[in-house]
Amino acid sequence: MSTTDQGLDEGTGPGSDWKQVQESPDFAQLRRRLRTFVFPMTVLFLAWYLLYVLLADYAPKFMATKIAGNFNVGLLIGLLQFVSTFVITALYVRYANRKLDPIADRIRGEVEGEKLETVEGDAE
């Protein structure tokens, strides 16, 4: 057995804390909240992008409709793809700050607190 494998079977190695964290109710709630935002937003954005691609392919006359000067519907929708990316990013940051970060901070505090106690206990 190598020195990197020692202690992993007994649950005392460096990965043992993470196994407990992964099985904790807080971590399950964190994953559930993350997925509640990420999966629907991903589907929404991919549908929005697919609409743009399909319109460009199957409705070229519509996409070529001029809005002002040489600015047409295709350019508008293309630029809105970038805008929607920034909006989704802002929404995610707001969501993460309110719903995810408090749980992640609590989990990190528990893990780091346990490690600090272990280090302090070993010093005595």
Protein backbone atom coordinates (compact mmCIF):
# COMPACT_ATOMS: atom_id res chain seq x y z
CA MET A 1 0.00 0.00 0.00
CA SER A 2 1.36 3.44 -0.90
CA THR A 3 1.52 6.28 1.61
CA THR A 4 -1.23 8.11 -0.27
CA ASP A 5 -3.64 5.20 0.25
CA GLN A 6 -3.05 4.83 3.99
CA GLY A 7 -6.04 5.58 6.15
CA LEU A 8 -8.56 5.87 3.35
CA ASP A 9 -10.12 2.48 4.06
CA GLU A 10 -10.69 3.31 7.73
CA GLY A 11 -12.44 6.61 6.93
CA THR A 12 -9.73 8.69 8.57
CA GLY A 13 -7.93 9.93 5.43
CA PRO A 14 -8.15 13.33 3.84
CA GLY A 15 -11.24 12.35 1.84
CA SER A 16 -13.32 11.20 4.79
CA ASP A 17 -14.64 14.68 5.62
CA TRP A 18 -15.84 15.15 2.07
CA LYS A 19 -17.75 11.89 2.11
CA GLN A 20 -19.58 13.06 5.24
CA VAL A 21 -20.21 16.47 3.66
CA GLN A 22 -21.59 14.88 0.51
CA GLU A 23 -24.03 12.79 2.56
CA SER A 24 -25.14 15.71 4.77
CA PRO A 25 -28.62 17.26 4.50
CA ASP A 26 -27.07 20.72 3.95
CA PHE A 27 -25.13 19.48 0.92
CA ALA A 28 -28.24 17.79 -0.49
CA GLN A 29 -30.14 21.06 -0.07
CA LEU A 30 -27.30 22.97 -1.75
CA ARG A 31 -27.33 20.61 -4.72
CA ARG A 32 -31.12 20.77 -4.96
CA ARG A 33 -31.12 24.57 -4.94
CA LEU A 34 -28.34 24.75 -7.52
CA ARG A 35 -30.16 22.36 -9.82
CA THR A 36 -33.43 24.27 -9.32
CA PHE A 37 -31.80 27.27 -10.96
CA VAL A 38 -29.28 25.78 -13.37
CA PHE A 39 -31.37 23.16 -15.18
CA PRO A 40 -34.38 25.34 -16.08
CA MET A 41 -32.13 28.26 -17.04
CA THR A 42 -30.02 26.01 -19.26
CA VAL A 43 -33.10 24.67 -21.02
CA LEU A 44 -34.45 28.20 -21.46
CA PHE A 45 -31.21 29.53 -22.92
CA LEU A 46 -30.70 26.56 -25.25
CA ALA A 47 -34.28 26.91 -26.52
CA TRP A 48 -33.68 30.65 -27.08
CA TYR A 49 -30.45 29.91 -28.97
CA LEU A 50 -32.09 27.12 -30.98
CA LEU A 51 -34.89 29.53 -31.96
CA TYR A 52 -32.25 31.94 -33.29
CA VAL A 53 -30.53 29.20 -35.31
CA LEU A 54 -33.82 27.84 -36.68
CA LEU A 55 -35.04 31.30 -37.66
CA ALA A 56 -31.75 32.00 -39.40
CA ASP A 57 -32.04 28.74 -41.32
CA TYR A 58 -35.77 28.52 -42.07
CA ALA A 59 -36.92 32.15 -42.01
CA PRO A 60 -34.17 34.13 -43.74
CA LYS A 61 -36.60 36.73 -45.08
CA PHE A 62 -37.90 37.41 -41.59
CA MET A 63 -34.36 37.65 -40.20
CA ALA A 64 -33.44 40.06 -43.04
CA THR A 65 -36.32 42.40 -42.20
CA LYS A 66 -34.79 45.83 -41.73
CA ILE A 67 -35.48 47.64 -38.49
CA ALA A 68 -33.39 50.77 -38.99
CA GLY A 69 -30.90 51.31 -41.80
CA ASN A 70 -28.92 48.10 -42.26
CA PHE A 71 -29.88 46.85 -38.79
CA ASN A 72 -32.18 43.85 -39.22
CA VAL A 73 -34.08 41.35 -37.07
CA GLY A 74 -31.24 38.80 -37.32
CA LEU A 75 -28.75 41.27 -35.88
CA LEU A 76 -31.17 42.26 -33.14
CA ILE A 77 -31.79 38.67 -32.07
CA GLY A 78 -28.06 37.92 -32.31
CA LEU A 79 -27.24 40.85 -30.03
CA LEU A 80 -30.01 39.81 -27.66
CA GLN A 81 -28.19 36.47 -27.28
CA PHE A 82 -25.33 38.39 -25.65
CA VAL A 83 -27.71 40.44 -23.54
CA SER A 84 -29.48 37.31 -22.34
CA THR A 85 -26.13 35.81 -21.34
CA PHE A 86 -25.38 38.82 -19.14
CA VAL A 87 -28.90 38.76 -17.68
CA ILE A 88 -28.60 35.06 -16.84
CA THR A 89 -25.22 35.72 -15.21
CA ALA A 90 -26.67 38.55 -13.11
CA LEU A 91 -29.64 36.39 -12.11
CA TYR A 92 -27.32 33.54 -11.12
CA VAL A 93 -25.09 35.81 -9.02
CA ARG A 94 -28.16 37.18 -7.23
CA TYR A 95 -29.58 33.68 -6.72
CA ALA A 96 -26.24 32.30 -5.51
CA ASN A 97 -25.75 35.18 -3.06
CA ARG A 98 -29.21 34.67 -1.57
CA LYS A 99 -29.81 30.92 -1.76
CA LEU A 100 -26.53 29.06 -2.27
CA ASP A 101 -23.79 30.99 -0.49
CA PRO A 102 -25.35 30.85 2.99
CA ILE A 103 -25.54 27.05 2.81
CA ALA A 104 -22.06 26.74 1.29
CA ASP A 105 -20.67 29.02 4.02
CA ARG A 106 -22.34 26.89 6.69
CA ILE A 107 -20.87 23.69 5.20
CA ARG A 108 -17.43 25.25 4.88
CA GLY A 109 -17.61 26.50 8.46
CA GLU A 110 -18.47 23.04 9.72
CA VAL A 111 -15.64 21.40 7.77
CA GLU A 112 -13.05 24.02 8.67
CA GLY A 113 -14.24 24.10 12.27
CA GLU A 114 -13.74 20.35 12.59
CA LYS A 115 -10.28 20.64 11.10
CA LEU A 116 -9.36 23.47 13.46
CA GLU A 117 -10.51 21.43 16.46
CA THR A 118 -8.45 18.45 15.29
CA VAL A 119 -5.33 20.60 14.89
CA GLU A 120 -5.85 22.24 18.29
CA GLY A 121 -6.50 18.85 19.94
CA ASP A 122 -3.29 17.43 18.45
CA ALA A 123 -1.25 20.34 19.85
CA GLU A 124 -2.20 19.55 23.46
